[in-house]
PDB file of N, CA and C in Angstrom:
ATOM      1  N   MET A   1       0.824  -1.186   0.000  1.00  0.00           N
ATOM      2  CA  MET A   1       0.000   0.000   0.000  1.00  0.00           C
ATOM      3  C   MET A   1       0.871   1.252   0.000  1.00  0.00           C
ATOM      4  N   ARG A   2       1.910   1.260   0.821  1.00  0.00           N
ATOM      5  CA  ARG A   2       2.785   2.436   0.867  1.00  0.00           C
ATOM      6  C   ARG A   2       3.489   2.676  -0.457  1.00  0.00           C
ATOM      7  N   ASP A   3       3.762   1.602  -1.197  1.00  0.00           N
ATOM      8  CA  ASP A   3       4.395   1.772  -2.506  1.00  0.00           C
ATOM      9  C   ASP A   3       3.471   2.524  -3.460  1.00  0.00           C
ATOM     10  N   ALA A   4       2.183   2.255  -3.385  1.00  0.00           N
ATOM     11  CA  ALA A   4       1.227   2.889  -4.289  1.00  0.00           C
ATOM     12  C   ALA A   4       0.825   4.284  -3.830  1.00  0.00           C
ATOM     13  N   VAL A   5       0.723   4.468  -2.523  1.00  0.00           N
ATOM     14  CA  VAL A   5       0.170   5.704  -1.977  1.00  0.00           C
ATOM     15  C   VAL A   5       1.228   6.609  -1.372  1.00  0.00           C
ATOM     16  N   GLY A   6       2.232   6.031  -0.749  1.00  0.00           N
ATOM     17  CA  GLY A   6       3.200   6.831  -0.009  1.00  0.00           C
ATOM     18  C   GLY A   6       2.754   6.976   1.433  1.00  0.00           C
ATOM     19  N   THR A   7       3.332   7.916   2.134  1.00  0.00           N
ATOM     20  CA  THR A   7       3.025   8.070   3.555  1.00  0.00           C
ATOM     21  C   THR A   7       2.425   9.429   3.881  1.00  0.00           C
ATOM     22  N   THR A   8       1.996  10.167   2.870  1.00  0.00           N
ATOM     23  CA  THR A   8       1.444  11.496   3.117  1.00  0.00           C
ATOM     24  C   THR A   8      -0.006  11.568   2.664  1.00  0.00           C
ATOM     25  N   GLN A   9      -0.705  12.563   3.170  1.00  0.00           N
ATOM     26  CA  GLN A   9      -2.084  12.786   2.757  1.00  0.00           C
ATOM     27  C   GLN A   9      -2.146  13.141   1.280  1.00  0.00           C
ATOM     28  N   GLU A  10      -1.151  13.882   0.806  1.00  0.00           N
ATOM     29  CA  GLU A  10      -1.121  14.254  -0.609  1.00  0.00           C
ATOM     30  C   GLU A  10      -0.988  13.024  -1.498  1.00  0.00           C
ATOM     31  N   GLY A  11      -0.165  12.063  -1.079  1.00  0.00           N
ATOM     32  CA  GLY A  11      -0.009  10.829  -1.843  1.00  0.00           C
ATOM     33  C   GLY A  11      -1.312  10.053  -1.931  1.00  0.00           C
ATOM     34  N   LEU A  12      -2.025   9.992  -0.810  1.00  0.00           N
ATOM     35  CA  LEU A  12      -3.313   9.307  -0.804  1.00  0.00           C
ATOM     36  C   LEU A  12      -4.321  10.040  -1.684  1.00  0.00           C
ATOM     37  N   THR A  13      -4.326  11.363  -1.607  1.00  0.00           N
ATOM     38  CA  THR A  13      -5.229  12.159  -2.447  1.00  0.00           C
ATOM     39  C   THR A  13      -4.944  11.930  -3.922  1.00  0.00           C
ATOM     40  N   ASP A  14      -3.662  11.938  -4.289  1.00  0.00           N
ATOM     41  CA  ASP A  14      -3.289  11.690  -5.684  1.00  0.00           C
ATOM     42  C   ASP A  14      -3.740  10.307  -6.139  1.00  0.00           C
ATOM     43  N   PHE A  15      -3.549   9.314  -5.281  1.00  0.00           N
ATOM     44  CA  PHE A  15      -3.940   7.945  -5.616  1.00  0.00           C
ATOM     45  C   PHE A  15      -5.451   7.839  -5.815  1.00  0.00           C
ATOM     46  N   LEU A  16      -6.226   8.376  -4.869  1.00  0.00           N
ATOM     47  CA  LEU A  16      -7.680   8.274  -4.958  1.00  0.00           C
ATOM     48  C   LEU A  16      -8.240   9.058  -6.141  1.00  0.00           C
ATOM     49  N   SER A  17      -7.600  10.170  -6.479  1.00  0.00           N
ATOM     50  CA  SER A  17      -8.092  10.975  -7.604  1.00  0.00           C
ATOM     51  C   SER A  17      -7.891  10.270  -8.946  1.00  0.00           C
ATOM     52  N   GLN A  18      -7.091   9.218  -8.976  1.00  0.00           N
ATOM     53  CA  GLN A  18      -6.915   8.429 -10.193  1.00  0.00           C
ATOM     54  C   GLN A  18      -8.129   7.546 -10.474  1.00  0.00           C
ATOM     55  N   TYR A  19      -9.026   7.424  -9.505  1.00  0.00           N
ATOM     56  CA  TYR A  19     -10.187   6.546  -9.630  1.00  0.00           C
ATOM     57  C   TYR A  19     -11.481   7.322  -9.349  1.00  0.00           C
ATOM     58  N   PRO A  20     -11.816   8.287 -10.225  1.00  0.00           N
ATOM     59  CA  PRO A  20     -13.005   9.116  -9.975  1.00  0.00           C
ATOM     60  C   PRO A  20     -14.318   8.336 -10.035  1.00  0.00           C
ATOM     61  N   SER A  21     -14.312   7.182 -10.685  1.00  0.00           N
ATOM     62  CA  SER A  21     -15.542   6.388 -10.717  1.00  0.00           C
ATOM     63  C   SER A  21     -15.803   5.714  -9.369  1.00  0.00           C
ATOM     64  N   LEU A  22     -14.780   5.585  -8.548  1.00  0.00           N
ATOM     65  CA  LEU A  22     -14.929   4.955  -7.234  1.00  0.00           C
ATOM     66  C   LEU A  22     -14.982   5.952  -6.091  1.00  0.00           C
ATOM     67  N   PHE A  23     -14.186   7.036  -6.186  1.00  0.00           N
ATOM     68  CA  PHE A  23     -14.048   7.966  -5.071  1.00  0.00           C
ATOM     69  C   PHE A  23     -14.321   9.398  -5.503  1.00  0.00           C
ATOM     70  N   ALA A  24     -15.014  10.138  -4.661  1.00  0.00           N
ATOM     71  CA  ALA A  24     -15.215  11.574  -4.868  1.00  0.00           C
ATOM     72  C   ALA A  24     -14.463  12.294  -3.757  1.00  0.00           C
ATOM     73  N   LEU A  25     -13.588  13.206  -4.122  1.00  0.00           N
ATOM     74  CA  LEU A  25     -12.805  13.957  -3.147  1.00  0.00           C
ATOM     75  C   LEU A  25     -13.461  15.307  -2.917  1.00  0.00           C
ATOM     76  N   GLU A  26     -13.726  15.617  -1.647  1.00  0.00           N
ATOM     77  CA  GLU A  26     -14.317  16.893  -1.261  1.00  0.00           C
ATOM     78  C   GLU A  26     -13.442  17.496  -0.175  1.00  0.00           C
ATOM     79  N   GLY A  27     -12.507  18.355  -0.575  1.00  0.00           N
ATOM     80  CA  GLY A  27     -11.566  18.910   0.393  1.00  0.00           C
ATOM     81  C   GLY A  27     -10.683  17.805   0.916  1.00  0.00           C
ATOM     82  N   ASP A  28     -10.674  17.603   2.248  1.00  0.00           N
ATOM     83  CA  ASP A  28      -9.866  16.535   2.827  1.00  0.00           C
ATOM     84  C   ASP A  28     -10.709  15.306   3.163  1.00  0.00           C
ATOM     85  N   GLU A  29     -11.905  15.220   2.576  1.00  0.00           N
ATOM     86  CA  GLU A  29     -12.781  14.080   2.800  1.00  0.00           C
ATOM     87  C   GLU A  29     -12.942  13.277   1.516  1.00  0.00           C
ATOM     88  N   VAL A  30     -13.155  11.985   1.682  1.00  0.00           N
ATOM     89  CA  VAL A  30     -13.350  11.081   0.549  1.00  0.00           C
ATOM     90  C   VAL A  30     -14.718  10.438   0.694  1.00  0.00           C
ATOM     91  N   CYS A  31     -15.469  10.444  -0.399  1.00  0.00           N
ATOM     92  CA  CYS A  31     -16.763   9.760  -0.435  1.00  0.00           C
ATOM     93  C   CYS A  31     -16.666   8.637  -1.449  1.00  0.00           C
ATOM     94  N   ILE A  32     -17.253   7.508  -1.107  1.00  0.00           N
ATOM     95  CA  ILE A  32     -17.232   6.381  -2.025  1.00  0.00           C
ATOM     96  C   ILE A  32     -18.401   6.537  -2.996  1.00  0.00           C
ATOM     97  N   ASN A  33     -18.132   6.348  -4.278  1.00  0.00           N
ATOM     98  CA  ASN A  33     -19.172   6.494  -5.298  1.00  0.00           C
ATOM     99  C   ASN A  33     -19.976   5.224  -5.484  1.00  0.00           C
ATOM    100  N   ALA A  34     -19.342   4.064  -5.399  1.00  0.00           N
ATOM    101  CA  ALA A  34     -20.052   2.810  -5.608  1.00  0.00           C
ATOM    102  C   ALA A  34     -19.327   1.699  -4.872  1.00  0.00           C
ATOM    103  N   PHE A  35     -20.116   0.816  -4.273  1.00  0.00           N
ATOM    104  CA  PHE A  35     -19.532  -0.315  -3.575  1.00  0.00           C
ATOM    105  C   PHE A  35     -20.579  -1.409  -3.506  1.00  0.00           C
ATOM    106  N   GLY A  36     -20.487  -2.363  -4.392  1.00  0.00           N
ATOM    107  CA  GLY A  36     -21.408  -3.490  -4.375  1.00  0.00           C
ATOM    108  C   GLY A  36     -22.858  -3.055  -4.508  1.00  0.00           C
ATOM    109  N   ASP A  37     -23.744  -3.715  -3.778  1.00  0.00           N
ATOM    110  CA  ASP A  37     -25.171  -3.437  -3.834  1.00  0.00           C
ATOM    111  C   ASP A  37     -25.526  -2.403  -2.781  1.00  0.00           C
ATOM    112  N   LEU A  38     -25.805  -1.195  -3.211  1.00  0.00           N
ATOM    113  CA  LEU A  38     -26.175  -0.131  -2.285  1.00  0.00           C
ATOM    114  C   LEU A  38     -27.686   0.055  -2.222  1.00  0.00           C
ATOM    115  N   SER A  39     -28.436  -0.959  -2.620  1.00  0.00           N
ATOM    116  CA  SER A  39     -29.890  -0.824  -2.638  1.00  0.00           C
ATOM    117  C   SER A  39     -30.486  -0.864  -1.235  1.00  0.00           C
ATOM    118  N   MET A  40     -29.758  -1.379  -0.260  1.00  0.00           N
ATOM    119  CA  MET A  40     -30.253  -1.368   1.107  1.00  0.00           C
ATOM    120  C   MET A  40     -30.331   0.073   1.572  1.00  0.00           C
ATOM    121  N   SER A  41     -31.287   0.384   2.394  1.00  0.00           N
ATOM    122  CA  SER A  41     -31.419   1.767   2.834  1.00  0.00           C
ATOM    123  C   SER A  41     -31.387   1.857   4.349  1.00  0.00           C
ATOM    124  N   GLY A  42     -31.060   3.051   4.821  1.00  0.00           N
ATOM    125  CA  GLY A  42     -31.132   3.361   6.240  1.00  0.00           C
ATOM    126  C   GLY A  42     -30.290   2.478   7.121  1.00  0.00           C
ATOM    127  N   LYS A  43     -30.891   2.044   8.237  1.00  0.00           N
ATOM    128  CA  LYS A  43     -30.118   1.317   9.241  1.00  0.00           C
ATOM    129  C   LYS A  43     -29.701  -0.073   8.797  1.00  0.00           C
ATOM    130  N   ASN A  44     -30.286  -0.596   7.712  1.00  0.00           N
ATOM    131  CA  ASN A  44     -29.894  -1.905   7.207  1.00  0.00           C
ATOM    132  C   ASN A  44     -28.640  -1.860   6.356  1.00  0.00           C
ATOM    133  N   ASN A  45     -28.212  -0.690   5.941  1.00  0.00           N
ATOM    134  CA  ASN A  45     -27.036  -0.545   5.087  1.00  0.00           C
ATOM    135  C   ASN A  45     -25.811  -0.289   5.959  1.00  0.00           C
ATOM    136  N   PRO A  46     -24.877  -1.245   6.031  1.00  0.00           N
ATOM    137  CA  PRO A  46     -23.708  -1.062   6.888  1.00  0.00           C
ATOM    138  C   PRO A  46     -22.826   0.105   6.457  1.00  0.00           C
ATOM    139  N   LEU A  47     -22.869   0.482   5.180  1.00  0.00           N
ATOM    140  CA  LEU A  47     -22.058   1.617   4.728  1.00  0.00           C
ATOM    141  C   LEU A  47     -22.591   2.937   5.252  1.00  0.00           C
ATOM    142  N   LEU A  48     -23.892   3.024   5.455  1.00  0.00           N
ATOM    143  CA  LEU A  48     -24.487   4.269   5.916  1.00  0.00           C
ATOM    144  C   LEU A  48     -24.519   4.374   7.432  1.00  0.00           C
ATOM    145  N   GLN A  49     -24.264   3.289   8.128  1.00  0.00           N
ATOM    146  CA  GLN A  49     -24.315   3.311   9.583  1.00  0.00           C
ATOM    147  C   GLN A  49     -23.138   4.040  10.200  1.00  0.00           C
ATOM    148  N   SER A  50     -22.004   4.040   9.526  1.00  0.00           N
ATOM    149  CA  SER A  50     -20.809   4.596  10.146  1.00  0.00           C
ATOM    150  C   SER A  50     -20.322   5.875   9.474  1.00  0.00           C
ATOM    151  N   ILE A  51     -21.210   6.604   8.787  1.00  0.00           N
ATOM    152  CA  ILE A  51     -20.795   7.850   8.156  1.00  0.00           C
ATOM    153  C   ILE A  51     -20.650   8.916   9.240  1.00  0.00           C
ATOM    154  N   PRO A  52     -19.444   9.477   9.405  1.00  0.00           N
ATOM    155  CA  PRO A  52     -19.247  10.490  10.444  1.00  0.00           C
ATOM    156  C   PRO A  52     -19.877  11.817  10.036  1.00  0.00           C
ATOM    157  N   SER A  53     -20.089  12.646  11.012  1.00  0.00           N
ATOM    158  CA  SER A  53     -20.628  13.974  10.745  1.00  0.00           C
ATOM    159  C   SER A  53     -19.632  14.793   9.946  1.00  0.00           C
ATOM    160  N   ARG A  54     -20.108  15.509   8.942  1.00  0.00           N
ATOM    161  CA  ARG A  54     -19.229  16.316   8.103  1.00  0.00           C
ATOM    162  C   ARG A  54     -19.032  17.714   8.680  1.00  0.00           C
ATOM    163  N   ASN A  55     -19.677  18.028   9.774  1.00  0.00           N
ATOM    164  CA  ASN A  55     -19.600  19.369  10.333  1.00  0.00           C
ATOM    165  C   ASN A  55     -18.735  19.413  11.586  1.00  0.00           C
ATOM    166  N   ARG A  56     -17.700  18.610  11.629  1.00  0.00           N
ATOM    167  CA  ARG A  56     -16.822  18.580  12.796  1.00  0.00           C
ATOM    168  C   ARG A  56     -15.852  19.746  12.750  1.00  0.00           C
ATOM    169  N   ASP A  57     -15.554  20.301  13.909  1.00  0.00           N
ATOM    170  CA  ASP A  57     -14.583  21.382  14.034  1.00  0.00           C
ATOM    171  C   ASP A  57     -13.289  20.757  14.554  1.00  0.00           C
ATOM    172  N   TYR A  58     -12.372  20.460  13.633  1.00  0.00           N
ATOM    173  CA  TYR A  58     -11.155  19.749  13.999  1.00  0.00           C
ATOM    174  C   TYR A  58     -10.238  20.590  14.878  1.00  0.00           C
ATOM    175  N   GLU A  59     -10.206  21.889  14.663  1.00  0.00           N
ATOM    176  CA  GLU A  59      -9.373  22.740  15.514  1.00  0.00           C
ATOM    177  C   GLU A  59      -9.890  22.718  16.947  1.00  0.00           C
ATOM    178  N   LYS A  60     -11.208  22.764  17.111  1.00  0.00           N
ATOM    179  CA  LYS A  60     -11.791  22.697  18.450  1.00  0.00           C
ATOM    180  C   LYS A  60     -11.472  21.346  19.096  1.00  0.00           C
ATOM    181  N   GLU A  61     -11.579  20.274  18.321  1.00  0.00           N
ATOM    182  CA  GLU A  61     -11.241  18.949  18.843  1.00  0.00           C
ATOM    183  C   GLU A  61      -9.777  18.892  19.274  1.00  0.00           C
ATOM    184  N   ALA A  62      -8.892  19.518  18.491  1.00  0.00           N
ATOM    185  CA  ALA A  62      -7.470  19.530  18.830  1.00  0.00           C
ATOM    186  C   ALA A  62      -7.240  20.286  20.129  1.00  0.00           C
ATOM    187  N   VAL A  63      -7.882  21.443  20.272  1.00  0.00           N
ATOM    188  CA  VAL A  63      -7.739  22.229  21.500  1.00  0.00           C
ATOM    189  C   VAL A  63      -8.224  21.417  22.697  1.00  0.00           C
ATOM    190  N   GLU A  64      -9.370  20.774  22.568  1.00  0.00           N
ATOM    191  CA  GLU A  64      -9.912  19.965  23.660  1.00  0.00           C
ATOM    192  C   GLU A  64      -8.987  18.799  23.996  1.00  0.00           C
ATOM    193  N   PHE A  65      -8.396  18.178  22.975  1.00  0.00           N
ATOM    194  CA  PHE A  65      -7.481  17.061  23.200  1.00  0.00           C
ATOM    195  C   PHE A  65      -6.281  17.510  24.031  1.00  0.00           C
ATOM    196  N   PHE A  66      -5.661  18.621  23.621  1.00  0.00           N
ATOM    197  CA  PHE A  66      -4.469  19.080  24.329  1.00  0.00           C
ATOM    198  C   PHE A  66      -4.802  19.676  25.695  1.00  0.00           C
ATOM    199  N   GLU A  67      -5.975  20.268  25.853  1.00  0.00           N
ATOM    200  CA  GLU A  67      -6.404  20.732  27.174  1.00  0.00           C
ATOM    201  C   GLU A  67      -6.529  19.552  28.130  1.00  0.00           C
ATOM    202  N   ALA A  68      -7.083  18.453  27.636  1.00  0.00           N
ATOM    203  CA  ALA A  68      -7.228  17.255  28.468  1.00  0.00           C
ATOM    204  C   ALA A  68      -5.860  16.714  28.884  1.00  0.00           C
ATOM    205  N   LYS A  69      -4.901  16.738  27.974  1.00  0.00           N
ATOM    206  CA  LYS A  69      -3.551  16.269  28.310  1.00  0.00           C
ATOM    207  C   LYS A  69      -2.911  17.176  29.358  1.00  0.00           C
ATOM    208  N   LEU A  70      -3.114  18.485  29.223  1.00  0.00           N
ATOM    209  CA  LEU A  70      -2.552  19.416  30.206  1.00  0.00           C
ATOM    210  C   LEU A  70      -3.210  19.241  31.570  1.00  0.00           C
ATOM    211  N   ARG A  71      -4.514  18.977  31.601  1.00  0.00           N
ATOM    212  CA  ARG A  71      -5.180  18.715  32.882  1.00  0.00           C
ATOM    213  C   ARG A  71      -4.637  17.432  33.507  1.00  0.00           C
ATOM    214  N   LYS A  72      -4.371  16.440  32.675  1.00  0.00           N
ATOM    215  CA  LYS A  72      -3.893  15.152  33.181  1.00  0.00           C
ATOM    216  C   LYS A  72      -2.457  15.232  33.688  1.00  0.00           C
ATOM    217  N   PHE A  73      -1.576  15.894  32.934  1.00  0.00           N
ATOM    218  CA  PHE A  73      -0.154  15.895  33.268  1.00  0.00           C
ATOM    219  C   PHE A  73       0.332  17.180  33.916  1.00  0.00           C
ATOM    220  N   GLY A  74      -0.507  18.185  33.997  1.00  0.00           N
ATOM    221  CA  GLY A  74      -0.134  19.432  34.643  1.00  0.00           C
ATOM    222  C   GLY A  74       0.268  20.504  33.650  1.00  0.00           C
ATOM    223  N   PRO A  75       0.094  21.767  34.060  1.00  0.00           N
ATOM    224  CA  PRO A  75       0.352  22.886  33.145  1.00  0.00           C
ATOM    225  C   PRO A  75       1.827  23.108  32.841  1.00  0.00           C
ATOM    226  N   GLU A  76       2.721  22.463  33.577  1.00  0.00           N
ATOM    227  CA  GLU A  76       4.154  22.655  33.344  1.00  0.00           C
ATOM    228  C   GLU A  76       4.736  21.620  32.389  1.00  0.00           C
ATOM    229  N   LEU A  77       3.890  20.923  31.678  1.00  0.00           N
ATOM    230  CA  LEU A  77       4.321  19.925  30.703  1.00  0.00           C
ATOM    231  C   LEU A  77       5.072  20.613  29.568  1.00  0.00           C
ATOM    232  N   GLN A  78       6.242  20.090  29.216  1.00  0.00           N
ATOM    233  CA  GLN A  78       7.033  20.688  28.141  1.00  0.00           C
ATOM    234  C   GLN A  78       6.314  20.534  26.807  1.00  0.00           C
ATOM    235  N   ILE A  79       6.532  21.508  25.926  1.00  0.00           N
ATOM    236  CA  ILE A  79       5.873  21.484  24.621  1.00  0.00           C
ATOM    237  C   ILE A  79       6.251  20.227  23.846  1.00  0.00           C
ATOM    238  N   LYS A  80       7.517  19.808  23.933  1.00  0.00           N
ATOM    239  CA  LYS A  80       7.934  18.591  23.224  1.00  0.00           C
ATOM    240  C   LYS A  80       7.174  17.371  23.740  1.00  0.00           C
ATOM    241  N   SER A  81       6.938  17.325  25.047  1.00  0.00           N
ATOM    242  CA  SER A  81       6.182  16.209  25.617  1.00  0.00           C
ATOM    243  C   SER A  81       4.730  16.247  25.158  1.00  0.00           C
ATOM    244  N   LEU A  82       4.168  17.451  25.131  1.00  0.00           N
ATOM    245  CA  LEU A  82       2.794  17.599  24.662  1.00  0.00           C
ATOM    246  C   LEU A  82       2.688  17.189  23.193  1.00  0.00           C
ATOM    247  N   LEU A  83       3.684  17.573  22.403  1.00  0.00           N
ATOM    248  CA  LEU A  83       3.728  17.175  20.994  1.00  0.00           C
ATOM    249  C   LEU A  83       3.819  15.652  20.873  1.00  0.00           C
ATOM    250  N   GLY A  84       4.510  15.011  21.791  1.00  0.00           N
ATOM    251  CA  GLY A  84       4.615  13.553  21.779  1.00  0.00           C
ATOM    252  C   GLY A  84       3.276  12.865  21.992  1.00  0.00           C
ATOM    253  N   HIS A  85       2.400  13.479  22.774  1.00  0.00           N
ATOM    254  CA  HIS A  85       1.071  12.905  23.014  1.00  0.00           C
ATOM    255  C   HIS A  85       0.162  13.049  21.799  1.00  0.00           C
ATOM    256  N   ARG A  86       0.567  13.871  20.845  1.00  0.00           N
ATOM    257  CA  ARG A  86      -0.201  14.103  19.626  1.00  0.00           C
ATOM    258  C   ARG A  86      -0.453  12.801  18.867  1.00  0.00           C
ATOM    259  N   SER A  87       0.450  11.837  18.989  1.00  0.00           N
ATOM    260  CA  SER A  87       0.296  10.571  18.264  1.00  0.00           C
ATOM    261  C   SER A  87      -0.933   9.790  18.727  1.00  0.00           C
ATOM    262  N   GLN A  88      -1.456  10.115  19.903  1.00  0.00           N
ATOM    263  CA  GLN A  88      -2.635   9.428  20.429  1.00  0.00           C
ATOM    264  C   GLN A  88      -3.934  10.056  19.936  1.00  0.00           C
ATOM    265  N   ALA A  89      -3.823  11.182  19.255  1.00  0.00           N
ATOM    266  CA  ALA A  89      -5.008  11.916  18.804  1.00  0.00           C
ATOM    267  C   ALA A  89      -5.533  11.355  17.485  1.00  0.00           C
ATOM    268  N   ALA A  90      -6.733  11.759  17.149  1.00  0.00           N
ATOM    269  CA  ALA A  90      -7.336  11.390  15.862  1.00  0.00           C
ATOM    270  C   ALA A  90      -6.511  11.986  14.725  1.00  0.00           C
ATOM    271  N   PRO A  91      -6.531  11.361  13.562  1.00  0.00           N
ATOM    272  CA  PRO A  91      -5.742  11.876  12.429  1.00  0.00           C
ATOM    273  C   PRO A  91      -6.039  13.334  12.092  1.00  0.00           C
ATOM    274  N   GLU A  92      -7.296  13.735  12.211  1.00  0.00           N
ATOM    275  CA  GLU A  92      -7.661  15.114  11.908  1.00  0.00           C
ATOM    276  C   GLU A  92      -7.026  16.087  12.897  1.00  0.00           C
ATOM    277  N   VAL A  93      -6.957  15.676  14.158  1.00  0.00           N
ATOM    278  CA  VAL A  93      -6.324  16.507  15.185  1.00  0.00           C
ATOM    279  C   VAL A  93      -4.835  16.632  14.895  1.00  0.00           C
ATOM    280  N   ARG A  94      -4.209  15.532  14.512  1.00  0.00           N
ATOM    281  CA  ARG A  94      -2.779  15.578  14.181  1.00  0.00           C
ATOM    282  C   ARG A  94      -2.534  16.481  12.983  1.00  0.00           C
ATOM    283  N   LEU A  95      -3.446  16.459  12.020  1.00  0.00           N
ATOM    284  CA  LEU A  95      -3.285  17.274  10.819  1.00  0.00           C
ATOM    285  C   LEU A  95      -3.362  18.765  11.134  1.00  0.00           C
ATOM    286  N   VAL A  96      -4.335  19.186  11.934  1.00  0.00           N
ATOM    287  CA  VAL A  96      -4.492  20.620  12.200  1.00  0.00           C
ATOM    288  C   VAL A  96      -3.489  21.150  13.209  1.00  0.00           C
ATOM    289  N   SER A  97      -2.927  20.279  14.047  1.00  0.00           N
ATOM    290  CA  SER A  97      -2.017  20.764  15.088  1.00  0.00           C
ATOM    291  C   SER A  97      -0.569  20.855  14.627  1.00  0.00           C
ATOM    292  N   GLY A  98      -0.271  20.415  13.438  1.00  0.00           N
ATOM    293  CA  GLY A  98       1.087  20.535  12.920  1.00  0.00           C
ATOM    294  C   GLY A  98       1.904  19.290  13.161  1.00  0.00           C
ATOM    295  N   ARG A  99       2.865  19.081  12.285  1.00  0.00           N
ATOM    296  CA  ARG A  99       3.675  17.874  12.334  1.00  0.00           C
ATOM    297  C   ARG A  99       4.973  18.080  13.110  1.00  0.00           C
ATOM    298  N   HIS A 100       5.540  19.273  13.042  1.00  0.00           N
ATOM    299  CA  HIS A 100       6.833  19.547  13.662  1.00  0.00           C
ATOM    300  C   HIS A 100       6.675  20.542  14.802  1.00  0.00           C
ATOM    301  N   LEU A 101       7.710  20.663  15.606  1.00  0.00           N
ATOM    302  CA  LEU A 101       7.672  21.520  16.789  1.00  0.00           C
ATOM    303  C   LEU A 101       7.304  22.954  16.431  1.00  0.00           C
ATOM    304  N   LYS A 102       7.875  23.491  15.359  1.00  0.00           N
ATOM    305  CA  LYS A 102       7.576  24.868  14.960  1.00  0.00           C
ATOM    306  C   LYS A 102       6.095  25.020  14.614  1.00  0.00           C
ATOM    307  N   ASP A 103       5.562  24.088  13.807  1.00  0.00           N
ATOM    308  CA  ASP A 103       4.144  24.137  13.431  1.00  0.00           C
ATOM    309  C   ASP A 103       3.249  23.979  14.658  1.00  0.00           C
ATOM    310  N   PHE A 104       3.644  23.090  15.552  1.00  0.00           N
ATOM    311  CA  PHE A 104       2.865  22.852  16.760  1.00  0.00           C
ATOM    312  C   PHE A 104       2.865  24.095  17.643  1.00  0.00           C
ATOM    313  N   GLY A 105       4.013  24.747  17.749  1.00  0.00           N
ATOM    314  CA  GLY A 105       4.101  25.991  18.518  1.00  0.00           C
ATOM    315  C   GLY A 105       3.196  27.071  17.945  1.00  0.00           C
ATOM    316  N   GLU A 106       3.139  27.170  16.625  1.00  0.00           N
ATOM    317  CA  GLU A 106       2.247  28.140  15.979  1.00  0.00           C
ATOM    318  C   GLU A 106       0.786  27.796  16.241  1.00  0.00           C
ATOM    319  N   PHE A 107       0.461  26.499  16.247  1.00  0.00           N
ATOM    320  CA  PHE A 107      -0.903  26.080  16.551  1.00  0.00           C
ATOM    321  C   PHE A 107      -1.264  26.482  17.976  1.00  0.00           C
ATOM    322  N   LEU A 108      -0.350  26.260  18.921  1.00  0.00           N
ATOM    323  CA  LEU A 108      -0.623  26.605  20.315  1.00  0.00           C
ATOM    324  C   LEU A 108      -0.761  28.110  20.510  1.00  0.00           C
ATOM    325  N   ALA A 109      -0.006  28.884  19.753  1.00  0.00           N
ATOM    326  CA  ALA A 109      -0.041  30.339  19.892  1.00  0.00           C
ATOM    327  C   ALA A 109      -1.307  30.948  19.291  1.00  0.00           C
ATOM    328  N   ALA A 110      -1.933  30.239  18.369  1.00  0.00           N
ATOM    329  CA  ALA A 110      -3.118  30.796  17.675  1.00  0.00           C
ATOM    330  C   ALA A 110      -4.339  30.824  18.561  1.00  0.00           C
TER     331      ALA A 110
END
């Protein structure tokens, strides 16, 4: 999989955009266009049961995640340590909070 997609979000986006009959890209979200028999409706369709809300505020989720870590470990937690806990967060939280110390510092300052 890594050979085809790589390890970045951009690589995955490029890969999925090669198959427009299967996937629709909307910003940083992917929607499946077709998958087997989609004639089942509502709660009987396993594909529709797990569709997440599209109106999530990822920055707010990131702030709440790091606030919880600071409450747990104390306000004197070093920024590098707080950045280390980022790996436990949801992918969207990791994306908005920055990958490197400089980006993470800018996220915290905002």
